[in-house]
Amino acid sequence: MTVTADDLRTLLSSTEPGATLVLEEGRTRVYSGDEVRERSSWVVTTLDDLRRELPDAGNPTAHDLDERAAMLDDMIAGQGG
């Protein structure tokens, strides 16, 4: 699995402006929006998108994070990532 619930927790706790979870060299990382524009990283999801997609982004359950991580991981696999 490339994307984990811990990756999503890291993204949710980020204070970077425009925080974005990216796939870079086979690993996930959280960058600010400016850093993403400067690099050629593959965008997995943004903080804003993740907050919209979780039922309770302010207090997500482990199940919600695991489920969303699996969905994002499947999306990456479908793109050949």
PDB file of N, CA and C in Angstrom:
ATOM      1  N   MET A   1       0.850  -1.188   0.000  1.00  0.00           N
ATOM      2  CA  MET A   1       0.000   0.000   0.000  1.00  0.00           C
ATOM      3  C   MET A   1       0.886   1.238   0.000  1.00  0.00           C
ATOM      4  N   THR A   2       0.586   2.158  -0.876  1.00  0.00           N
ATOM      5  CA  THR A   2       1.354   3.396  -0.989  1.00  0.00           C
ATOM      6  C   THR A   2       0.819   4.469  -0.050  1.00  0.00           C
ATOM      7  N   VAL A   3      -0.493   4.656  -0.035  1.00  0.00           N
ATOM      8  CA  VAL A   3      -1.118   5.675   0.818  1.00  0.00           C
ATOM      9  C   VAL A   3      -1.674   4.986   2.059  1.00  0.00           C
ATOM     10  N   THR A   4      -1.336   5.542   3.226  1.00  0.00           N
ATOM     11  CA  THR A   4      -1.808   4.977   4.484  1.00  0.00           C
ATOM     12  C   THR A   4      -2.647   5.986   5.251  1.00  0.00           C
ATOM     13  N   ALA A   5      -3.342   5.490   6.248  1.00  0.00           N
ATOM     14  CA  ALA A   5      -4.114   6.380   7.126  1.00  0.00           C
ATOM     15  C   ALA A   5      -3.184   7.380   7.810  1.00  0.00           C
ATOM     16  N   ASP A   6      -1.967   6.957   8.134  1.00  0.00           N
ATOM     17  CA  ASP A   6      -1.011   7.884   8.751  1.00  0.00           C
ATOM     18  C   ASP A   6      -0.647   9.026   7.807  1.00  0.00           C
ATOM     19  N   ASP A   7      -0.548   8.726   6.513  1.00  0.00           N
ATOM     20  CA  ASP A   7      -0.290   9.793   5.536  1.00  0.00           C
ATOM     21  C   ASP A   7      -1.411  10.826   5.571  1.00  0.00           C
ATOM     22  N   LEU A   8      -2.645  10.328   5.664  1.00  0.00           N
ATOM     23  CA  LEU A   8      -3.793  11.239   5.691  1.00  0.00           C
ATOM     24  C   LEU A   8      -3.834  12.020   6.994  1.00  0.00           C
ATOM     25  N   ARG A   9      -3.451  11.395   8.103  1.00  0.00           N
ATOM     26  CA  ARG A   9      -3.366  12.124   9.382  1.00  0.00           C
ATOM     27  C   ARG A   9      -2.326  13.244   9.286  1.00  0.00           C
ATOM     28  N   THR A  10      -1.201  12.936   8.657  1.00  0.00           N
ATOM     29  CA  THR A  10      -0.158  13.947   8.464  1.00  0.00           C
ATOM     30  C   THR A  10      -0.685  15.109   7.637  1.00  0.00           C
ATOM     31  N   LEU A  11      -1.386  14.806   6.579  1.00  0.00           N
ATOM     32  CA  LEU A  11      -1.964  15.856   5.741  1.00  0.00           C
ATOM     33  C   LEU A  11      -2.975  16.677   6.536  1.00  0.00           C
ATOM     34  N   LEU A  12      -3.836  16.007   7.296  1.00  0.00           N
ATOM     35  CA  LEU A  12      -4.853  16.724   8.084  1.00  0.00           C
ATOM     36  C   LEU A  12      -4.236  17.628   9.140  1.00  0.00           C
ATOM     37  N   SER A  13      -3.065  17.277   9.627  1.00  0.00           N
ATOM     38  CA  SER A  13      -2.433  18.090  10.670  1.00  0.00           C
ATOM     39  C   SER A  13      -1.498  19.158  10.110  1.00  0.00           C
ATOM     40  N   SER A  14      -1.349  19.189   8.792  1.00  0.00           N
ATOM     41  CA  SER A  14      -0.447  20.148   8.164  1.00  0.00           C
ATOM     42  C   SER A  14      -0.972  21.575   8.295  1.00  0.00           C
ATOM     43  N   THR A  15      -0.035  22.487   8.513  1.00  0.00           N
ATOM     44  CA  THR A  15      -0.363  23.912   8.552  1.00  0.00           C
ATOM     45  C   THR A  15       0.180  24.634   7.317  1.00  0.00           C
ATOM     46  N   GLU A  16       0.738  23.857   6.383  1.00  0.00           N
ATOM     47  CA  GLU A  16       1.273  24.438   5.151  1.00  0.00           C
ATOM     48  C   GLU A  16       0.135  25.015   4.313  1.00  0.00           C
ATOM     49  N   PRO A  17       0.312  26.201   3.739  1.00  0.00           N
ATOM     50  CA  PRO A  17      -0.721  26.736   2.854  1.00  0.00           C
ATOM     51  C   PRO A  17      -0.857  25.869   1.610  1.00  0.00           C
ATOM     52  N   GLY A  18      -2.074  25.456   1.309  1.00  0.00           N
ATOM     53  CA  GLY A  18      -2.311  24.616   0.140  1.00  0.00           C
ATOM     54  C   GLY A  18      -1.732  23.222   0.293  1.00  0.00           C
ATOM     55  N   ALA A  19      -1.681  22.716   1.531  1.00  0.00           N
ATOM     56  CA  ALA A  19      -1.073  21.414   1.802  1.00  0.00           C
ATOM     57  C   ALA A  19      -1.602  20.351   0.848  1.00  0.00           C
ATOM     58  N   THR A  20      -0.667  19.567   0.306  1.00  0.00           N
ATOM     59  CA  THR A  20      -0.992  18.575  -0.708  1.00  0.00           C
ATOM     60  C   THR A  20      -0.179  17.311  -0.454  1.00  0.00           C
ATOM     61  N   LEU A  21      -0.857  16.165  -0.537  1.00  0.00           N
ATOM     62  CA  LEU A  21      -0.184  14.872  -0.442  1.00  0.00           C
ATOM     63  C   LEU A  21       0.228  14.471  -1.838  1.00  0.00           C
ATOM     64  N   VAL A  22       1.520  14.200  -2.030  1.00  0.00           N
ATOM     65  CA  VAL A  22       2.036  13.838  -3.337  1.00  0.00           C
ATOM     66  C   VAL A  22       2.754  12.496  -3.274  1.00  0.00           C
ATOM     67  N   LEU A  23       2.898  11.896  -4.432  1.00  0.00           N
ATOM     68  CA  LEU A  23       3.686  10.679  -4.586  1.00  0.00           C
ATOM     69  C   LEU A  23       4.954  11.078  -5.317  1.00  0.00           C
ATOM     70  N   GLU A  24       6.080  10.820  -4.677  1.00  0.00           N
ATOM     71  CA  GLU A  24       7.356  11.222  -5.250  1.00  0.00           C
ATOM     72  C   GLU A  24       8.373  10.119  -4.978  1.00  0.00           C
ATOM     73  N   GLU A  25       8.939   9.579  -6.032  1.00  0.00           N
ATOM     74  CA  GLU A  25       9.934   8.515  -5.919  1.00  0.00           C
ATOM     75  C   GLU A  25       9.403   7.334  -5.110  1.00  0.00           C
ATOM     76  N   GLY A  26       8.127   7.013  -5.318  1.00  0.00           N
ATOM     77  CA  GLY A  26       7.522   5.866  -4.662  1.00  0.00           C
ATOM     78  C   GLY A  26       7.107   6.077  -3.222  1.00  0.00           C
ATOM     79  N   ARG A  27       7.234   7.286  -2.733  1.00  0.00           N
ATOM     80  CA  ARG A  27       6.854   7.601  -1.345  1.00  0.00           C
ATOM     81  C   ARG A  27       5.899   8.776  -1.323  1.00  0.00           C
ATOM     82  N   THR A  28       5.079   8.825  -0.288  1.00  0.00           N
ATOM     83  CA  THR A  28       4.184   9.967  -0.140  1.00  0.00           C
ATOM     84  C   THR A  28       4.864  11.028   0.710  1.00  0.00           C
ATOM     85  N   ARG A  29       4.542  12.254   0.398  1.00  0.00           N
ATOM     86  CA  ARG A  29       5.075  13.413   1.128  1.00  0.00           C
ATOM     87  C   ARG A  29       3.999  14.491   1.135  1.00  0.00           C
ATOM     88  N   VAL A  30       4.075  15.367   2.110  1.00  0.00           N
ATOM     89  CA  VAL A  30       3.172  16.513   2.161  1.00  0.00           C
ATOM     90  C   VAL A  30       3.988  17.762   1.854  1.00  0.00           C
ATOM     91  N   TYR A  31       3.537  18.492   0.846  1.00  0.00           N
ATOM     92  CA  TYR A  31       4.176  19.742   0.446  1.00  0.00           C
ATOM     93  C   TYR A  31       3.154  20.868   0.487  1.00  0.00           C
ATOM     94  N   SER A  32       3.660  22.075   0.578  1.00  0.00           N
ATOM     95  CA  SER A  32       2.787  23.242   0.437  1.00  0.00           C
ATOM     96  C   SER A  32       2.394  23.350  -1.031  1.00  0.00           C
ATOM     97  N   GLY A  33       1.371  24.129  -1.295  1.00  0.00           N
ATOM     98  CA  GLY A  33       0.942  24.338  -2.673  1.00  0.00           C
ATOM     99  C   GLY A  33       2.050  24.898  -3.543  1.00  0.00           C
ATOM    100  N   ASP A  34       2.855  25.817  -3.004  1.00  0.00           N
ATOM    101  CA  ASP A  34       3.964  26.394  -3.769  1.00  0.00           C
ATOM    102  C   ASP A  34       5.010  25.341  -4.110  1.00  0.00           C
ATOM    103  N   GLU A  35       5.319  24.467  -3.136  1.00  0.00           N
ATOM    104  CA  GLU A  35       6.307  23.415  -3.387  1.00  0.00           C
ATOM    105  C   GLU A  35       5.824  22.457  -4.477  1.00  0.00           C
ATOM    106  N   VAL A  36       4.533  22.152  -4.466  1.00  0.00           N
ATOM    107  CA  VAL A  36       3.988  21.240  -5.473  1.00  0.00           C
ATOM    108  C   VAL A  36       4.151  21.843  -6.861  1.00  0.00           C
ATOM    109  N   ARG A  37       3.892  23.138  -6.982  1.00  0.00           N
ATOM    110  CA  ARG A  37       4.022  23.799  -8.283  1.00  0.00           C
ATOM    111  C   ARG A  37       5.472  23.820  -8.767  1.00  0.00           C
ATOM    112  N   GLU A  38       6.434  23.852  -7.835  1.00  0.00           N
ATOM    113  CA  GLU A  38       7.851  23.902  -8.194  1.00  0.00           C
ATOM    114  C   GLU A  38       8.405  22.538  -8.583  1.00  0.00           C
ATOM    115  N   ARG A  39       7.746  21.482  -8.131  1.00  0.00           N
ATOM    116  CA  ARG A  39       8.221  20.117  -8.389  1.00  0.00           C
ATOM    117  C   ARG A  39       7.315  19.453  -9.416  1.00  0.00           C
ATOM    118  N   SER A  40       7.770  18.323  -9.894  1.00  0.00           N
ATOM    119  CA  SER A  40       6.915  17.562 -10.804  1.00  0.00           C
ATOM    120  C   SER A  40       6.438  16.304 -10.074  1.00  0.00           C
ATOM    121  N   SER A  41       5.800  16.510  -8.939  1.00  0.00           N
ATOM    122  CA  SER A  41       5.293  15.408  -8.132  1.00  0.00           C
ATOM    123  C   SER A  41       3.880  15.059  -8.568  1.00  0.00           C
ATOM    124  N   TRP A  42       3.487  13.824  -8.336  1.00  0.00           N
ATOM    125  CA  TRP A  42       2.157  13.349  -8.681  1.00  0.00           C
ATOM    126  C   TRP A  42       1.227  13.652  -7.514  1.00  0.00           C
ATOM    127  N   VAL A  43       0.230  14.476  -7.720  1.00  0.00           N
ATOM    128  CA  VAL A  43      -0.691  14.876  -6.654  1.00  0.00           C
ATOM    129  C   VAL A  43      -1.656  13.735  -6.356  1.00  0.00           C
ATOM    130  N   VAL A  44      -1.708  13.344  -5.074  1.00  0.00           N
ATOM    131  CA  VAL A  44      -2.633  12.313  -4.618  1.00  0.00           C
ATOM    132  C   VAL A  44      -3.933  12.973  -4.180  1.00  0.00           C
ATOM    133  N   THR A  45      -3.836  13.946  -3.282  1.00  0.00           N
ATOM    134  CA  THR A  45      -5.006  14.714  -2.833  1.00  0.00           C
ATOM    135  C   THR A  45      -4.528  15.960  -2.115  1.00  0.00           C
ATOM    136  N   THR A  46      -5.398  16.928  -2.039  1.00  0.00           N
ATOM    137  CA  THR A  46      -5.087  18.141  -1.289  1.00  0.00           C
ATOM    138  C   THR A  46      -5.791  18.082   0.062  1.00  0.00           C
ATOM    139  N   LEU A  47      -5.354  18.916   0.965  1.00  0.00           N
ATOM    140  CA  LEU A  47      -5.989  18.993   2.270  1.00  0.00           C
ATOM    141  C   LEU A  47      -7.453  19.390   2.134  1.00  0.00           C
ATOM    142  N   ASP A  48      -7.724  20.357   1.300  1.00  0.00           N
ATOM    143  CA  ASP A  48      -9.115  20.790   1.104  1.00  0.00           C
ATOM    144  C   ASP A  48      -9.987  19.668   0.569  1.00  0.00           C
ATOM    145  N   ASP A  49      -9.466  18.922  -0.421  1.00  0.00           N
ATOM    146  CA  ASP A  49     -10.237  17.808  -0.977  1.00  0.00           C
ATOM    147  C   ASP A  49     -10.469  16.724   0.072  1.00  0.00           C
ATOM    148  N   LEU A  50      -9.441  16.404   0.830  1.00  0.00           N
ATOM    149  CA  LEU A  50      -9.580  15.373   1.857  1.00  0.00           C
ATOM    150  C   LEU A  50     -10.630  15.770   2.886  1.00  0.00           C
ATOM    151  N   ARG A  51     -10.601  17.011   3.300  1.00  0.00           N
ATOM    152  CA  ARG A  51     -11.594  17.476   4.280  1.00  0.00           C
ATOM    153  C   ARG A  51     -13.019  17.342   3.725  1.00  0.00           C
ATOM    154  N   ARG A  52     -13.187  17.620   2.438  1.00  0.00           N
ATOM    155  CA  ARG A  52     -14.509  17.487   1.817  1.00  0.00           C
ATOM    156  C   ARG A  52     -14.953  16.030   1.714  1.00  0.00           C
ATOM    157  N   GLU A  53     -13.999  15.139   1.525  1.00  0.00           N
ATOM    158  CA  GLU A  53     -14.321  13.734   1.278  1.00  0.00           C
ATOM    159  C   GLU A  53     -14.557  12.922   2.550  1.00  0.00           C
ATOM    160  N   LEU A  54     -14.084  13.396   3.685  1.00  0.00           N
ATOM    161  CA  LEU A  54     -14.276  12.668   4.939  1.00  0.00           C
ATOM    162  C   LEU A  54     -15.596  13.075   5.582  1.00  0.00           C
ATOM    163  N   PRO A  55     -16.314  12.116   6.164  1.00  0.00           N
ATOM    164  CA  PRO A  55     -17.582  12.444   6.820  1.00  0.00           C
ATOM    165  C   PRO A  55     -17.418  13.464   7.953  1.00  0.00           C
ATOM    166  N   ASP A  56     -16.317  13.359   8.713  1.00  0.00           N
ATOM    167  CA  ASP A  56     -16.049  14.283   9.817  1.00  0.00           C
ATOM    168  C   ASP A  56     -14.555  14.575   9.843  1.00  0.00           C
ATOM    169  N   ALA A  57     -14.114  15.501   9.009  1.00  0.00           N
ATOM    170  CA  ALA A  57     -12.689  15.792   8.874  1.00  0.00           C
ATOM    171  C   ALA A  57     -12.081  16.336  10.158  1.00  0.00           C
ATOM    172  N   GLY A  58     -12.896  16.931  11.001  1.00  0.00           N
ATOM    173  CA  GLY A  58     -12.387  17.455  12.265  1.00  0.00           C
ATOM    174  C   GLY A  58     -12.075  16.368  13.272  1.00  0.00           C
ATOM    175  N   ASN A  59     -12.698  15.213  13.114  1.00  0.00           N
ATOM    176  CA  ASN A  59     -12.491  14.098  14.014  1.00  0.00           C
ATOM    177  C   ASN A  59     -12.695  12.784  13.252  1.00  0.00           C
ATOM    178  N   PRO A  60     -11.819  12.514  12.276  1.00  0.00           N
ATOM    179  CA  PRO A  60     -12.024  11.329  11.446  1.00  0.00           C
ATOM    180  C   PRO A  60     -11.778  10.035  12.224  1.00  0.00           C
ATOM    181  N   THR A  61     -12.555   9.024  11.914  1.00  0.00           N
ATOM    182  CA  THR A  61     -12.360   7.725  12.549  1.00  0.00           C
ATOM    183  C   THR A  61     -11.245   6.983  11.818  1.00  0.00           C
ATOM    184  N   ALA A  62     -10.680   6.000  12.498  1.00  0.00           N
ATOM    185  CA  ALA A  62      -9.647   5.177  11.878  1.00  0.00           C
ATOM    186  C   ALA A  62     -10.216   4.488  10.644  1.00  0.00           C
ATOM    187  N   HIS A  63     -11.455   4.039  10.742  1.00  0.00           N
ATOM    188  CA  HIS A  63     -12.106   3.374   9.607  1.00  0.00           C
ATOM    189  C   HIS A  63     -12.218   4.319   8.407  1.00  0.00           C
ATOM    190  N   ASP A  64     -12.646   5.556   8.636  1.00  0.00           N
ATOM    191  CA  ASP A  64     -12.773   6.521   7.538  1.00  0.00           C
ATOM    192  C   ASP A  64     -11.424   6.786   6.879  1.00  0.00           C
ATOM    193  N   LEU A  65     -10.374   6.918   7.691  1.00  0.00           N
ATOM    194  CA  LEU A  65      -9.043   7.174   7.127  1.00  0.00           C
ATOM    195  C   LEU A  65      -8.513   5.958   6.378  1.00  0.00           C
ATOM    196  N   ASP A  66      -8.706   4.770   6.935  1.00  0.00           N
ATOM    197  CA  ASP A  66      -8.273   3.544   6.245  1.00  0.00           C
ATOM    198  C   ASP A  66      -9.000   3.384   4.918  1.00  0.00           C
ATOM    199  N   GLU A  67     -10.294   3.634   4.932  1.00  0.00           N
ATOM    200  CA  GLU A  67     -11.104   3.496   3.725  1.00  0.00           C
ATOM    201  C   GLU A  67     -10.665   4.492   2.654  1.00  0.00           C
ATOM    202  N   ARG A  68     -10.472   5.732   3.040  1.00  0.00           N
ATOM    203  CA  ARG A  68     -10.058   6.763   2.076  1.00  0.00           C
ATOM    204  C   ARG A  68      -8.652   6.479   1.554  1.00  0.00           C
ATOM    205  N   ALA A  69      -7.753   6.029   2.431  1.00  0.00           N
ATOM    206  CA  ALA A  69      -6.391   5.693   2.007  1.00  0.00           C
ATOM    207  C   ALA A  69      -6.428   4.573   0.973  1.00  0.00           C
ATOM    208  N   ALA A  70      -7.247   3.553   1.200  1.00  0.00           N
ATOM    209  CA  ALA A  70      -7.359   2.444   0.249  1.00  0.00           C
ATOM    210  C   ALA A  70      -7.895   2.932  -1.092  1.00  0.00           C
ATOM    211  N   MET A  71      -8.861   3.840  -1.074  1.00  0.00           N
ATOM    212  CA  MET A  71      -9.415   4.388  -2.309  1.00  0.00           C
ATOM    213  C   MET A  71      -8.339   5.164  -3.081  1.00  0.00           C
ATOM    214  N   LEU A  72      -7.564   5.971  -2.370  1.00  0.00           N
ATOM    215  CA  LEU A  72      -6.505   6.734  -3.019  1.00  0.00           C
ATOM    216  C   LEU A  72      -5.425   5.799  -3.565  1.00  0.00           C
ATOM    217  N   ASP A  73      -5.112   4.759  -2.812  1.00  0.00           N
ATOM    218  CA  ASP A  73      -4.124   3.783  -3.245  1.00  0.00           C
ATOM    219  C   ASP A  73      -4.591   3.078  -4.516  1.00  0.00           C
ATOM    220  N   ASP A  74      -5.859   2.716  -4.564  1.00  0.00           N
ATOM    221  CA  ASP A  74      -6.418   2.086  -5.770  1.00  0.00           C
ATOM    222  C   ASP A  74      -6.352   3.030  -6.961  1.00  0.00           C
ATOM    223  N   MET A  75      -6.604   4.313  -6.719  1.00  0.00           N
ATOM    224  CA  MET A  75      -6.524   5.308  -7.784  1.00  0.00           C
ATOM    225  C   MET A  75      -5.098   5.382  -8.347  1.00  0.00           C
ATOM    226  N   ILE A  76      -4.110   5.354  -7.452  1.00  0.00           N
ATOM    227  CA  ILE A  76      -2.713   5.393  -7.883  1.00  0.00           C
ATOM    228  C   ILE A  76      -2.384   4.151  -8.696  1.00  0.00           C
ATOM    229  N   ALA A  77      -2.797   2.991  -8.209  1.00  0.00           N
ATOM    230  CA  ALA A  77      -2.526   1.739  -8.914  1.00  0.00           C
ATOM    231  C   ALA A  77      -3.173   1.738 -10.300  1.00  0.00           C
ATOM    232  N   GLY A  78      -4.356   2.314 -10.396  1.00  0.00           N
ATOM    233  CA  GLY A  78      -5.053   2.396 -11.687  1.00  0.00           C
ATOM    234  C   GLY A  78      -4.358   3.308 -12.685  1.00  0.00           C
ATOM    235  N   GLN A  79      -3.547   4.227 -12.166  1.00  0.00           N
ATOM    236  CA  GLN A  79      -2.812   5.141 -13.032  1.00  0.00           C
ATOM    237  C   GLN A  79      -1.399   4.637 -13.326  1.00  0.00           C
ATOM    238  N   GLY A  80      -1.082   3.466 -12.759  1.00  0.00           N
ATOM    239  CA  GLY A  80       0.244   2.900 -12.985  1.00  0.00           C
ATOM    240  C   GLY A  80       1.280   3.428 -12.032  1.00  0.00           C
ATOM    241  N   GLY A  81       0.814   4.000 -10.867  1.00  0.00           N
ATOM    242  CA  GLY A  81       1.751   4.585  -9.908  1.00  0.00           C
ATOM    243  C   GLY A  81       2.327   3.620  -8.943  1.00  0.00           C
TER     244      GLY A  81
END
